[in-house]
């Protein structure tokens, strides 16, 4: 069944998720502070007409305006993919999405930053604040999943390992690759398939799915 999908993020993993959702016949609404980038990305997606909207998720009026536009053009949101992690401002985005989903259900997938699984589980010297925020993503996801489960809304997270994006440019060196059992960095499209699996799996909620080429096995 085709759904209206809101995706925050127009580069890297967000771009790959949008492309896969569009290929599967869903209508995609891209949310980004860079309106031009979001519109260009939306126009490049296959299938029906998609939307690219400007949205600063730290501003409640921006979030409300984006979801009002979304509602007028493609109806209620069925899937939300937060491809920029979780922080205080993102709760505005999630709150608006949940209001849209309460009457008919839906699914949310939060994506941690690259190599989140390493920082969250094992910690990383010099990155205490960053590691704590990423560890908080897991607790947030599980708590929210429990709160909204009776409304047929599922909430999960994807924890990427080293994925080849702008964020990891310059990190793909021999010593880093050697730590990964599969022997190479992942691609954004490989994370996108994990996101789609969680969005479409009706009996999975409150879970974290690692997409890391086996990196945690080597820690």
N, C-alpha and C. Protein backbone atom coordinates (compact mmCIF):
# COMPACT_ATOMS: atom_id res chain seq x y z
N UNK A 1 0.84 -1.19 0.00
CA UNK A 1 0.00 0.00 0.00
C UNK A 1 0.88 1.24 0.00
N UNK A 2 0.58 2.17 -0.90
CA UNK A 2 1.35 3.41 -0.99
C UNK A 2 1.07 4.29 0.22
N UNK A 3 2.13 4.88 0.77
CA UNK A 3 1.98 5.76 1.93
C UNK A 3 2.67 7.09 1.67
N UNK A 4 2.24 8.09 2.41
CA UNK A 4 2.94 9.37 2.40
C UNK A 4 4.08 9.27 3.41
N UNK A 5 5.30 9.52 2.96
CA UNK A 5 6.48 9.33 3.81
C UNK A 5 7.22 10.65 3.98
N UNK A 6 7.43 11.06 5.21
CA UNK A 6 8.23 12.25 5.49
C UNK A 6 9.64 11.81 5.85
N UNK A 7 10.62 12.37 5.16
CA UNK A 7 12.03 12.03 5.40
C UNK A 7 12.78 13.30 5.73
N UNK A 8 13.41 13.31 6.89
CA UNK A 8 14.25 14.45 7.24
C UNK A 8 15.67 14.14 6.81
N UNK A 9 16.20 14.95 5.91
CA UNK A 9 17.55 14.75 5.40
C UNK A 9 17.53 14.53 3.91
N UNK A 10 18.33 15.30 3.17
CA UNK A 10 18.33 15.20 1.70
C UNK A 10 19.68 14.77 1.15
N UNK A 11 20.60 14.35 2.02
CA UNK A 11 21.91 13.89 1.56
C UNK A 11 22.21 12.53 2.17
N UNK A 12 23.21 11.86 1.66
CA UNK A 12 23.70 10.62 2.25
C UNK A 12 22.61 9.59 2.47
N UNK A 13 22.43 9.18 3.72
CA UNK A 13 21.46 8.16 4.06
C UNK A 13 20.03 8.65 3.79
N UNK A 14 19.73 9.91 4.10
CA UNK A 14 18.40 10.45 3.84
C UNK A 14 18.05 10.37 2.36
N UNK A 15 19.00 10.68 1.52
CA UNK A 15 18.79 10.61 0.07
C UNK A 15 18.52 9.17 -0.36
N UNK A 16 19.31 8.23 0.15
CA UNK A 16 19.15 6.82 -0.21
C UNK A 16 17.79 6.27 0.24
N UNK A 17 17.37 6.66 1.44
CA UNK A 17 16.06 6.22 1.95
C UNK A 17 14.95 6.78 1.06
N UNK A 18 15.04 8.05 0.69
CA UNK A 18 14.02 8.67 -0.15
C UNK A 18 13.93 7.97 -1.50
N UNK A 19 15.06 7.66 -2.09
CA UNK A 19 15.07 6.98 -3.39
C UNK A 19 14.42 5.61 -3.31
N UNK A 20 14.73 4.86 -2.25
CA UNK A 20 14.17 3.52 -2.12
C UNK A 20 12.66 3.58 -1.88
N UNK A 21 12.21 4.51 -1.04
CA UNK A 21 10.78 4.64 -0.78
C UNK A 21 10.02 5.02 -2.05
N UNK A 22 10.61 5.92 -2.83
CA UNK A 22 9.98 6.33 -4.08
C UNK A 22 9.91 5.16 -5.06
N UNK A 23 10.97 4.37 -5.12
CA UNK A 23 11.00 3.20 -6.00
C UNK A 23 9.92 2.19 -5.63
N UNK A 24 9.59 2.14 -4.34
CA UNK A 24 8.56 1.21 -3.86
C UNK A 24 7.15 1.79 -4.01
N UNK A 25 7.02 2.95 -4.62
CA UNK A 25 5.71 3.50 -4.90
C UNK A 25 5.15 4.44 -3.87
N UNK A 26 5.94 4.82 -2.87
CA UNK A 26 5.47 5.75 -1.84
C UNK A 26 5.69 7.19 -2.28
N UNK A 27 4.85 8.09 -1.78
CA UNK A 27 5.05 9.51 -2.03
C UNK A 27 5.93 10.08 -0.93
N UNK A 28 7.00 10.76 -1.32
CA UNK A 28 8.02 11.21 -0.37
C UNK A 28 7.96 12.72 -0.19
N UNK A 29 8.00 13.16 1.07
CA UNK A 29 8.11 14.57 1.41
C UNK A 29 9.44 14.76 2.13
N UNK A 30 10.36 15.48 1.50
CA UNK A 30 11.68 15.72 2.06
C UNK A 30 11.69 17.00 2.88
N UNK A 31 12.20 16.93 4.10
CA UNK A 31 12.28 18.09 4.97
C UNK A 31 13.75 18.45 5.18
N UNK A 32 14.10 19.68 4.89
CA UNK A 32 15.49 20.12 5.04
C UNK A 32 15.52 21.62 5.24
N UNK A 33 16.53 22.11 5.95
CA UNK A 33 16.69 23.55 6.07
C UNK A 33 17.06 24.16 4.73
N UNK A 34 17.66 23.34 3.86
CA UNK A 34 18.03 23.80 2.52
C UNK A 34 16.89 23.45 1.56
N UNK A 35 16.00 24.42 1.35
CA UNK A 35 14.81 24.18 0.53
C UNK A 35 15.18 23.79 -0.89
N UNK A 36 16.16 24.47 -1.46
CA UNK A 36 16.56 24.18 -2.84
C UNK A 36 17.05 22.75 -2.99
N UNK A 37 17.87 22.31 -2.04
CA UNK A 37 18.40 20.94 -2.10
C UNK A 37 17.27 19.93 -1.98
N UNK A 38 16.31 20.21 -1.10
CA UNK A 38 15.18 19.30 -0.91
C UNK A 38 14.32 19.23 -2.17
N UNK A 39 14.10 20.38 -2.81
CA UNK A 39 13.29 20.40 -4.02
C UNK A 39 13.98 19.69 -5.18
N UNK A 40 15.28 19.91 -5.32
CA UNK A 40 16.03 19.24 -6.38
C UNK A 40 16.00 17.73 -6.18
N UNK A 41 16.17 17.30 -4.94
CA UNK A 41 16.13 15.88 -4.64
C UNK A 41 14.74 15.32 -4.92
N UNK A 42 13.70 16.03 -4.52
CA UNK A 42 12.34 15.55 -4.73
C UNK A 42 12.04 15.39 -6.21
N UNK A 43 12.50 16.33 -7.03
CA UNK A 43 12.26 16.28 -8.47
C UNK A 43 13.00 15.14 -9.14
N UNK A 44 14.07 14.67 -8.52
CA UNK A 44 14.87 13.60 -9.12
C UNK A 44 14.33 12.21 -8.80
N UNK A 45 13.39 12.12 -7.86
CA UNK A 45 12.88 10.82 -7.44
C UNK A 45 11.92 10.24 -8.47
N UNK A 46 11.92 8.92 -8.64
CA UNK A 46 11.02 8.29 -9.59
C UNK A 46 9.58 8.26 -9.09
N UNK A 47 8.64 8.03 -10.01
CA UNK A 47 7.25 7.87 -9.60
C UNK A 47 6.49 9.18 -9.58
N UNK A 48 5.44 9.23 -8.76
CA UNK A 48 4.58 10.41 -8.71
C UNK A 48 5.32 11.62 -8.18
N UNK A 49 4.65 12.77 -8.23
CA UNK A 49 5.29 14.00 -7.81
C UNK A 49 5.56 13.99 -6.31
N UNK A 50 6.81 14.26 -5.96
CA UNK A 50 7.22 14.29 -4.55
C UNK A 50 7.45 15.76 -4.14
N UNK A 51 7.59 15.98 -2.84
CA UNK A 51 7.73 17.34 -2.33
C UNK A 51 9.05 17.54 -1.62
N UNK A 52 9.61 18.74 -1.76
CA UNK A 52 10.77 19.15 -0.99
C UNK A 52 10.42 20.41 -0.23
N UNK A 53 10.44 20.35 1.09
CA UNK A 53 9.99 21.49 1.91
C UNK A 53 11.12 22.00 2.79
N UNK A 54 11.14 23.31 2.98
CA UNK A 54 12.07 23.93 3.91
C UNK A 54 11.53 23.77 5.32
N UNK A 55 12.37 23.28 6.24
CA UNK A 55 11.91 23.09 7.61
C UNK A 55 13.09 23.11 8.57
N UNK A 56 13.11 24.10 9.44
CA UNK A 56 14.07 24.16 10.52
C UNK A 56 13.40 23.54 11.74
N UNK A 57 13.81 22.31 12.10
CA UNK A 57 13.09 21.58 13.15
C UNK A 57 13.30 22.16 14.54
N UNK A 58 14.12 23.20 14.66
CA UNK A 58 14.26 23.87 15.96
C UNK A 58 13.18 24.93 16.14
N UNK A 59 12.38 25.17 15.07
CA UNK A 59 11.34 26.19 15.13
C UNK A 59 9.98 25.52 14.96
N UNK A 60 9.15 25.63 16.00
CA UNK A 60 7.85 24.95 16.00
C UNK A 60 6.97 25.41 14.85
N UNK A 61 7.03 26.70 14.53
CA UNK A 61 6.18 27.21 13.44
C UNK A 61 6.58 26.60 12.09
N UNK A 62 7.90 26.35 11.91
CA UNK A 62 8.37 25.70 10.68
C UNK A 62 7.82 24.28 10.57
N UNK A 63 7.88 23.55 11.68
CA UNK A 63 7.40 22.16 11.69
C UNK A 63 5.91 22.11 11.41
N UNK A 64 5.15 22.96 12.07
CA UNK A 64 3.70 22.99 11.88
C UNK A 64 3.35 23.33 10.43
N UNK A 65 4.06 24.32 9.87
CA UNK A 65 3.80 24.72 8.49
C UNK A 65 4.11 23.57 7.52
N UNK A 66 5.20 22.87 7.78
CA UNK A 66 5.60 21.76 6.90
C UNK A 66 4.55 20.66 6.91
N UNK A 67 4.04 20.32 8.10
CA UNK A 67 3.05 19.25 8.18
C UNK A 67 1.68 19.69 7.66
N UNK A 68 1.36 20.96 7.77
CA UNK A 68 0.12 21.47 7.18
C UNK A 68 0.19 21.36 5.65
N UNK A 69 1.33 21.75 5.08
CA UNK A 69 1.52 21.63 3.64
C UNK A 69 1.48 20.17 3.21
N UNK A 70 2.13 19.34 4.01
CA UNK A 70 2.16 17.90 3.74
C UNK A 70 0.74 17.34 3.72
N UNK A 71 -0.08 17.73 4.69
CA UNK A 71 -1.44 17.23 4.80
C UNK A 71 -2.30 17.65 3.62
N UNK A 72 -2.12 18.89 3.15
CA UNK A 72 -2.92 19.40 2.05
C UNK A 72 -2.55 18.74 0.72
N UNK A 73 -1.28 18.37 0.57
CA UNK A 73 -0.82 17.88 -0.73
C UNK A 73 -0.83 16.36 -0.86
N UNK A 74 -0.59 15.64 0.24
CA UNK A 74 -0.55 14.17 0.09
C UNK A 74 -1.21 13.42 1.23
N UNK A 75 -1.90 14.12 2.12
CA UNK A 75 -2.64 13.44 3.17
C UNK A 75 -1.81 13.20 4.42
N UNK A 76 -2.32 12.30 5.25
CA UNK A 76 -1.66 12.04 6.53
C UNK A 76 -0.36 11.26 6.34
N UNK A 77 0.55 11.45 7.27
CA UNK A 77 1.85 10.79 7.20
C UNK A 77 1.73 9.34 7.67
N UNK A 78 2.27 8.41 6.88
CA UNK A 78 2.27 7.01 7.26
C UNK A 78 3.61 6.58 7.82
N UNK A 79 4.68 7.11 7.23
CA UNK A 79 6.03 6.78 7.67
C UNK A 79 6.81 8.07 7.92
N UNK A 80 7.61 8.08 8.99
CA UNK A 80 8.55 9.17 9.26
C UNK A 80 9.93 8.58 9.42
N UNK A 81 10.89 9.10 8.66
CA UNK A 81 12.28 8.68 8.80
C UNK A 81 13.09 9.89 9.21
N UNK A 82 13.66 9.83 10.40
CA UNK A 82 14.46 10.92 10.92
C UNK A 82 15.92 10.60 10.67
N UNK A 83 16.45 11.09 9.55
CA UNK A 83 17.80 10.73 9.13
C UNK A 83 18.84 11.70 9.65
N UNK A 84 18.54 12.38 10.74
CA UNK A 84 19.51 13.32 11.31
C UNK A 84 19.64 13.15 12.81
N UNK A 85 19.28 11.99 13.32
CA UNK A 85 19.44 11.72 14.74
C UNK A 85 18.35 12.37 15.58
N UNK A 86 18.52 12.34 16.89
CA UNK A 86 17.52 12.89 17.81
C UNK A 86 18.17 13.94 18.71
N UNK A 87 17.54 15.06 18.82
CA UNK A 87 17.93 16.03 19.84
C UNK A 87 16.67 16.78 20.25
N UNK A 88 16.81 17.78 21.06
CA UNK A 88 15.63 18.46 21.60
C UNK A 88 14.72 18.99 20.50
N UNK A 89 15.31 19.59 19.46
CA UNK A 89 14.48 20.19 18.43
C UNK A 89 13.72 19.14 17.64
N UNK A 90 14.27 17.93 17.52
CA UNK A 90 13.61 16.90 16.73
C UNK A 90 12.33 16.40 17.38
N UNK A 91 12.16 16.63 18.67
CA UNK A 91 10.91 16.19 19.30
C UNK A 91 9.72 16.94 18.72
N UNK A 92 9.93 18.17 18.23
CA UNK A 92 8.87 18.91 17.57
C UNK A 92 8.41 18.17 16.32
N UNK A 93 9.39 17.66 15.55
CA UNK A 93 9.08 16.91 14.34
C UNK A 93 8.30 15.65 14.65
N UNK A 94 8.77 14.91 15.67
CA UNK A 94 8.13 13.66 16.03
C UNK A 94 6.73 13.89 16.58
N UNK A 95 6.55 14.96 17.34
CA UNK A 95 5.24 15.26 17.92
C UNK A 95 4.22 15.53 16.81
N UNK A 96 4.63 16.29 15.79
CA UNK A 96 3.73 16.58 14.68
C UNK A 96 3.41 15.32 13.89
N UNK A 97 4.41 14.47 13.68
CA UNK A 97 4.19 13.22 12.96
C UNK A 97 3.24 12.31 13.72
N UNK A 98 3.41 12.24 15.03
CA UNK A 98 2.55 11.38 15.84
C UNK A 98 1.10 11.84 15.78
N UNK A 99 0.88 13.15 15.81
CA UNK A 99 -0.50 13.66 15.71
C UNK A 99 -1.15 13.20 14.41
N UNK A 100 -0.34 13.18 13.36
CA UNK A 100 -0.85 12.77 12.05
C UNK A 100 -1.15 11.27 12.01
N UNK A 101 -0.41 10.49 12.81
CA UNK A 101 -0.53 9.03 12.77
C UNK A 101 -1.56 8.46 13.74
N UNK A 102 -2.00 9.23 14.72
CA UNK A 102 -2.83 8.70 15.80
C UNK A 102 -4.10 8.01 15.31
N UNK A 103 -4.69 8.52 14.25
CA UNK A 103 -5.97 7.98 13.80
C UNK A 103 -5.84 6.74 12.92
N UNK A 104 -4.66 6.53 12.32
CA UNK A 104 -4.53 5.42 11.37
C UNK A 104 -3.27 4.59 11.53
N UNK A 105 -2.43 4.92 12.51
CA UNK A 105 -1.20 4.17 12.72
C UNK A 105 -0.08 4.62 11.81
N UNK A 106 1.08 4.03 11.98
CA UNK A 106 2.23 4.40 11.16
C UNK A 106 3.51 3.85 11.75
N UNK A 107 4.62 4.30 11.21
CA UNK A 107 5.93 3.81 11.66
C UNK A 107 6.96 4.92 11.60
N UNK A 108 7.83 4.94 12.60
CA UNK A 108 8.91 5.92 12.69
C UNK A 108 10.23 5.17 12.80
N UNK A 109 11.23 5.61 12.05
CA UNK A 109 12.58 5.07 12.19
C UNK A 109 13.54 6.23 12.42
N UNK A 110 14.25 6.19 13.54
CA UNK A 110 15.29 7.17 13.86
C UNK A 110 16.63 6.59 13.46
N UNK A 111 17.46 7.41 12.83
CA UNK A 111 18.77 6.94 12.38
C UNK A 111 19.84 7.68 13.16
N UNK A 112 20.70 6.91 13.83
CA UNK A 112 21.81 7.50 14.55
C UNK A 112 22.89 7.94 13.58
N UNK A 113 23.82 8.74 14.05
CA UNK A 113 24.92 9.18 13.21
C UNK A 113 25.82 8.01 12.88
N UNK A 114 26.65 8.16 11.84
CA UNK A 114 27.55 7.09 11.45
C UNK A 114 28.44 6.68 12.61
N UNK A 115 28.75 5.41 12.68
CA UNK A 115 29.47 4.71 13.76
C UNK A 115 28.84 4.94 15.13
N UNK A 116 27.52 5.25 15.15
CA UNK A 116 26.77 5.41 16.40
C UNK A 116 26.88 4.17 17.28
N UNK A 117 26.84 2.98 16.66
CA UNK A 117 26.86 1.76 17.45
C UNK A 117 28.13 1.65 18.28
N UNK A 118 29.25 2.12 17.75
CA UNK A 118 30.51 2.07 18.49
C UNK A 118 30.47 3.03 19.67
N UNK A 119 30.02 4.25 19.43
CA UNK A 119 30.01 5.27 20.46
C UNK A 119 29.01 4.96 21.56
N UNK A 120 27.86 4.41 21.17
CA UNK A 120 26.80 4.14 22.14
C UNK A 120 27.16 2.99 23.06
N UNK A 121 27.64 1.91 22.49
CA UNK A 121 27.86 0.69 23.27
C UNK A 121 29.22 0.68 23.97
N UNK A 122 30.26 1.11 23.27
CA UNK A 122 31.62 1.02 23.83
C UNK A 122 32.18 2.34 24.32
N UNK A 123 31.58 3.45 23.87
CA UNK A 123 32.13 4.75 24.24
C UNK A 123 33.31 5.10 23.36
N UNK A 124 33.72 6.36 23.42
CA UNK A 124 34.83 6.81 22.59
C UNK A 124 35.53 7.97 23.28
N UNK A 125 36.81 7.86 23.51
CA UNK A 125 37.57 8.88 24.21
C UNK A 125 37.44 10.23 23.51
N UNK A 126 37.15 11.27 24.31
CA UNK A 126 37.04 12.62 23.76
C UNK A 126 35.68 12.97 23.20
N UNK A 127 34.74 12.03 23.24
CA UNK A 127 33.41 12.29 22.67
C UNK A 127 32.30 11.93 23.65
N UNK A 128 32.47 12.34 24.90
CA UNK A 128 31.50 11.99 25.94
C UNK A 128 30.10 12.53 25.65
N UNK A 129 30.00 13.79 25.27
CA UNK A 129 28.70 14.40 25.03
C UNK A 129 28.04 13.75 23.82
N UNK A 130 28.80 13.57 22.75
CA UNK A 130 28.26 12.97 21.53
C UNK A 130 27.80 11.54 21.80
N UNK A 131 28.63 10.77 22.51
CA UNK A 131 28.27 9.38 22.82
C UNK A 131 27.02 9.32 23.67
N UNK A 132 26.91 10.23 24.65
CA UNK A 132 25.73 10.23 25.51
C UNK A 132 24.47 10.53 24.72
N UNK A 133 24.56 11.46 23.78
CA UNK A 133 23.37 11.80 22.99
C UNK A 133 22.92 10.63 22.14
N UNK A 134 23.88 9.87 21.61
CA UNK A 134 23.53 8.73 20.77
C UNK A 134 23.00 7.57 21.60
N UNK A 135 23.53 7.41 22.80
CA UNK A 135 22.99 6.39 23.70
C UNK A 135 21.56 6.75 24.09
N UNK A 136 21.31 8.06 24.24
CA UNK A 136 19.97 8.52 24.58
C UNK A 136 18.95 8.21 23.50
N UNK A 137 19.41 8.10 22.26
CA UNK A 137 18.51 7.78 21.16
C UNK A 137 17.83 6.43 21.37
N UNK A 138 18.59 5.47 21.89
CA UNK A 138 18.02 4.14 22.10
C UNK A 138 16.93 4.17 23.17
N UNK A 139 17.19 4.86 24.27
CA UNK A 139 16.19 4.96 25.33
C UNK A 139 14.96 5.72 24.87
N UNK A 140 15.18 6.78 24.12
CA UNK A 140 14.08 7.57 23.58
C UNK A 140 13.20 6.71 22.67
N UNK A 141 13.83 5.97 21.77
CA UNK A 141 13.10 5.13 20.82
C UNK A 141 12.26 4.09 21.55
N UNK A 142 12.85 3.43 22.53
CA UNK A 142 12.12 2.37 23.24
C UNK A 142 10.97 2.93 24.08
N UNK A 143 11.20 4.06 24.73
CA UNK A 143 10.15 4.65 25.54
C UNK A 143 8.98 5.12 24.69
N UNK A 144 9.29 5.78 23.57
CA UNK A 144 8.24 6.25 22.69
C UNK A 144 7.48 5.07 22.08
N UNK A 145 8.21 4.01 21.73
CA UNK A 145 7.57 2.81 21.17
C UNK A 145 6.54 2.25 22.14
N UNK A 146 6.88 2.24 23.42
CA UNK A 146 5.96 1.72 24.43
C UNK A 146 4.75 2.63 24.60
N UNK A 147 4.97 3.94 24.53
CA UNK A 147 3.88 4.90 24.71
C UNK A 147 2.82 4.80 23.61
N UNK A 148 3.26 4.57 22.38
CA UNK A 148 2.31 4.68 21.26
C UNK A 148 1.95 3.33 20.64
N UNK A 149 2.40 2.23 21.24
CA UNK A 149 2.14 0.90 20.66
C UNK A 149 0.66 0.60 20.53
N UNK A 150 -0.14 1.02 21.51
CA UNK A 150 -1.58 0.72 21.47
C UNK A 150 -2.31 1.51 20.38
N UNK A 151 -1.63 2.52 19.81
CA UNK A 151 -2.23 3.31 18.73
C UNK A 151 -1.75 2.82 17.36
N UNK A 152 -1.17 1.64 17.34
CA UNK A 152 -0.68 1.04 16.10
C UNK A 152 0.41 1.88 15.43
N UNK A 153 1.24 2.48 16.27
CA UNK A 153 2.40 3.24 15.78
C UNK A 153 3.66 2.54 16.27
N UNK A 154 4.55 2.23 15.37
CA UNK A 154 5.79 1.54 15.73
C UNK A 154 6.96 2.51 15.64
N UNK A 155 7.93 2.37 16.56
CA UNK A 155 9.10 3.24 16.59
C UNK A 155 10.34 2.38 16.75
N UNK A 156 11.26 2.48 15.82
CA UNK A 156 12.50 1.72 15.85
C UNK A 156 13.67 2.63 15.49
N UNK A 157 14.87 2.11 15.62
CA UNK A 157 16.05 2.88 15.22
C UNK A 157 17.01 2.01 14.43
N UNK A 158 17.77 2.67 13.59
CA UNK A 158 18.84 2.02 12.84
C UNK A 158 20.16 2.64 13.28
N UNK A 159 21.13 1.78 13.60
CA UNK A 159 22.44 2.25 14.04
C UNK A 159 23.48 1.88 12.99
N UNK A 160 23.85 2.83 12.13
CA UNK A 160 24.83 2.53 11.09
C UNK A 160 26.25 2.44 11.66
N UNK A 161 27.06 1.65 11.02
CA UNK A 161 28.48 1.63 11.32
C UNK A 161 29.16 2.69 10.46
N UNK A 162 30.31 2.34 9.87
CA UNK A 162 30.99 3.28 8.98
C UNK A 162 30.34 3.22 7.60
N UNK A 163 29.61 4.27 7.25
CA UNK A 163 28.90 4.34 5.98
C UNK A 163 29.55 5.43 5.13
N UNK A 164 29.70 5.16 3.84
CA UNK A 164 30.39 6.09 2.96
C UNK A 164 29.50 7.30 2.64
N UNK A 165 29.66 8.38 3.43
CA UNK A 165 28.91 9.62 3.25
C UNK A 165 29.88 10.79 3.43
N UNK A 166 29.36 12.01 3.28
CA UNK A 166 30.19 13.19 3.50
C UNK A 166 30.75 13.20 4.92
N UNK A 167 29.98 12.68 5.86
CA UNK A 167 30.37 12.70 7.27
C UNK A 167 31.60 11.83 7.54
N UNK A 168 31.78 10.79 6.76
CA UNK A 168 32.91 9.88 7.00
C UNK A 168 34.03 10.08 5.98
N UNK A 169 33.93 11.14 5.17
CA UNK A 169 34.99 11.41 4.20
C UNK A 169 36.33 11.57 4.91
N UNK A 170 37.33 10.87 4.44
CA UNK A 170 38.65 10.94 5.04
C UNK A 170 38.90 9.89 6.10
N UNK A 171 37.85 9.17 6.52
CA UNK A 171 38.01 8.13 7.55
C UNK A 171 38.30 6.75 6.96
N UNK A 172 38.04 6.60 5.66
CA UNK A 172 38.17 5.28 5.05
C UNK A 172 39.64 4.96 4.76
N UNK A 173 40.36 4.69 5.83
CA UNK A 173 41.78 4.36 5.74
C UNK A 173 41.98 2.90 6.11
N UNK A 174 43.15 2.40 5.84
CA UNK A 174 43.41 0.98 6.01
C UNK A 174 43.13 0.50 7.43
N UNK A 175 43.53 1.28 8.46
CA UNK A 175 43.34 0.83 9.84
C UNK A 175 41.86 0.79 10.21
N UNK A 176 41.06 1.74 9.67
CA UNK A 176 39.63 1.75 9.95
C UNK A 176 38.94 0.58 9.27
N UNK A 177 39.26 0.35 8.01
CA UNK A 177 38.66 -0.75 7.25
C UNK A 177 39.01 -2.09 7.87
N UNK A 178 40.21 -2.21 8.39
CA UNK A 178 40.67 -3.48 8.97
C UNK A 178 39.83 -3.90 10.17
N UNK A 179 39.22 -2.93 10.85
CA UNK A 179 38.39 -3.24 12.03
C UNK A 179 37.04 -3.83 11.66
N UNK A 180 36.64 -3.69 10.42
CA UNK A 180 35.31 -4.13 9.98
C UNK A 180 35.41 -5.55 9.43
N UNK A 181 34.73 -6.54 10.03
CA UNK A 181 34.82 -7.92 9.55
C UNK A 181 34.53 -8.09 8.06
N UNK A 182 33.59 -7.31 7.52
CA UNK A 182 33.30 -7.44 6.09
C UNK A 182 34.34 -6.74 5.21
N UNK A 183 35.22 -5.97 5.83
CA UNK A 183 36.37 -5.42 5.11
C UNK A 183 36.13 -4.19 4.27
N UNK A 184 35.02 -3.49 4.47
CA UNK A 184 34.77 -2.28 3.68
C UNK A 184 33.70 -1.43 4.36
N UNK A 185 33.67 -0.15 4.01
CA UNK A 185 32.62 0.75 4.49
C UNK A 185 31.31 0.38 3.81
N UNK A 186 30.20 0.67 4.47
CA UNK A 186 28.90 0.43 3.88
C UNK A 186 28.47 1.57 2.98
N UNK A 187 27.40 1.32 2.21
CA UNK A 187 26.83 2.32 1.32
C UNK A 187 25.50 2.81 1.90
N UNK A 188 25.12 4.08 1.65
CA UNK A 188 23.83 4.58 2.14
C UNK A 188 22.65 3.70 1.73
N UNK A 189 22.70 3.14 0.54
CA UNK A 189 21.59 2.30 0.08
C UNK A 189 21.42 1.07 0.95
N UNK A 190 22.51 0.58 1.54
CA UNK A 190 22.41 -0.60 2.40
C UNK A 190 21.71 -0.26 3.71
N UNK A 191 21.89 0.96 4.18
CA UNK A 191 21.16 1.42 5.36
C UNK A 191 19.69 1.63 5.01
N UNK A 192 19.44 2.14 3.81
CA UNK A 192 18.07 2.39 3.37
C UNK A 192 17.23 1.12 3.38
N UNK A 193 17.82 -0.01 2.99
CA UNK A 193 17.09 -1.27 2.98
C UNK A 193 16.72 -1.70 4.40
N UNK A 194 17.60 -1.41 5.37
CA UNK A 194 17.29 -1.71 6.76
C UNK A 194 16.14 -0.85 7.26
N UNK A 195 16.13 0.42 6.87
CA UNK A 195 15.05 1.34 7.24
C UNK A 195 13.73 0.85 6.67
N UNK A 196 13.73 0.47 5.40
CA UNK A 196 12.50 -0.01 4.76
C UNK A 196 11.99 -1.27 5.46
N UNK A 197 12.90 -2.16 5.85
CA UNK A 197 12.51 -3.38 6.56
C UNK A 197 11.76 -3.04 7.85
N UNK A 198 12.26 -2.08 8.62
CA UNK A 198 11.61 -1.71 9.86
C UNK A 198 10.29 -0.98 9.63
N UNK A 199 10.24 -0.15 8.60
CA UNK A 199 9.00 0.55 8.29
C UNK A 199 7.88 -0.43 7.92
N UNK A 200 8.23 -1.49 7.23
CA UNK A 200 7.23 -2.41 6.70
C UNK A 200 7.02 -3.66 7.55
N UNK A 201 7.69 -3.76 8.69
CA UNK A 201 7.55 -4.94 9.55
C UNK A 201 6.53 -4.65 10.65
N UNK A 202 5.30 -5.19 10.53
CA UNK A 202 4.21 -4.78 11.41
C UNK A 202 4.30 -5.26 12.86
N UNK A 203 5.22 -6.19 13.15
CA UNK A 203 5.29 -6.71 14.53
C UNK A 203 6.66 -6.46 15.16
N UNK A 204 7.33 -5.41 14.72
CA UNK A 204 8.62 -5.03 15.30
C UNK A 204 8.53 -3.59 15.78
N UNK A 205 8.80 -3.38 17.06
CA UNK A 205 8.83 -2.02 17.60
C UNK A 205 9.76 -1.97 18.80
N UNK A 206 10.34 -0.78 19.02
CA UNK A 206 11.25 -0.58 20.15
C UNK A 206 12.61 -1.24 19.97
N UNK A 207 13.00 -1.48 18.74
CA UNK A 207 14.25 -2.20 18.48
C UNK A 207 15.31 -1.31 17.84
N UNK A 208 16.55 -1.73 18.00
CA UNK A 208 17.68 -1.06 17.33
C UNK A 208 18.32 -2.08 16.40
N UNK A 209 18.43 -1.73 15.13
CA UNK A 209 19.03 -2.61 14.13
C UNK A 209 20.39 -2.06 13.72
N UNK A 210 21.43 -2.87 13.95
CA UNK A 210 22.78 -2.46 13.59
C UNK A 210 23.04 -2.76 12.12
N UNK A 211 23.60 -1.79 11.43
CA UNK A 211 24.00 -1.98 10.03
C UNK A 211 25.46 -1.55 9.96
N UNK A 212 26.36 -2.48 10.32
CA UNK A 212 27.75 -2.09 10.55
C UNK A 212 28.79 -3.05 9.96
N UNK A 213 28.37 -3.97 9.11
CA UNK A 213 29.34 -4.89 8.52
C UNK A 213 30.01 -5.80 9.54
N UNK A 214 29.38 -5.95 10.72
CA UNK A 214 29.95 -6.80 11.76
C UNK A 214 30.94 -6.09 12.67
N UNK A 215 30.96 -4.75 12.62
CA UNK A 215 31.94 -3.99 13.39
C UNK A 215 31.88 -4.30 14.88
N UNK A 216 30.67 -4.43 15.42
CA UNK A 216 30.57 -4.70 16.86
C UNK A 216 31.18 -6.03 17.24
N UNK A 217 31.19 -6.97 16.32
CA UNK A 217 31.77 -8.28 16.62
C UNK A 217 33.27 -8.17 16.85
N UNK A 218 33.87 -7.13 16.30
CA UNK A 218 35.33 -6.99 16.38
C UNK A 218 35.77 -6.11 17.55
N UNK A 219 34.82 -5.54 18.28
CA UNK A 219 35.18 -4.63 19.38
C UNK A 219 35.58 -5.38 20.64
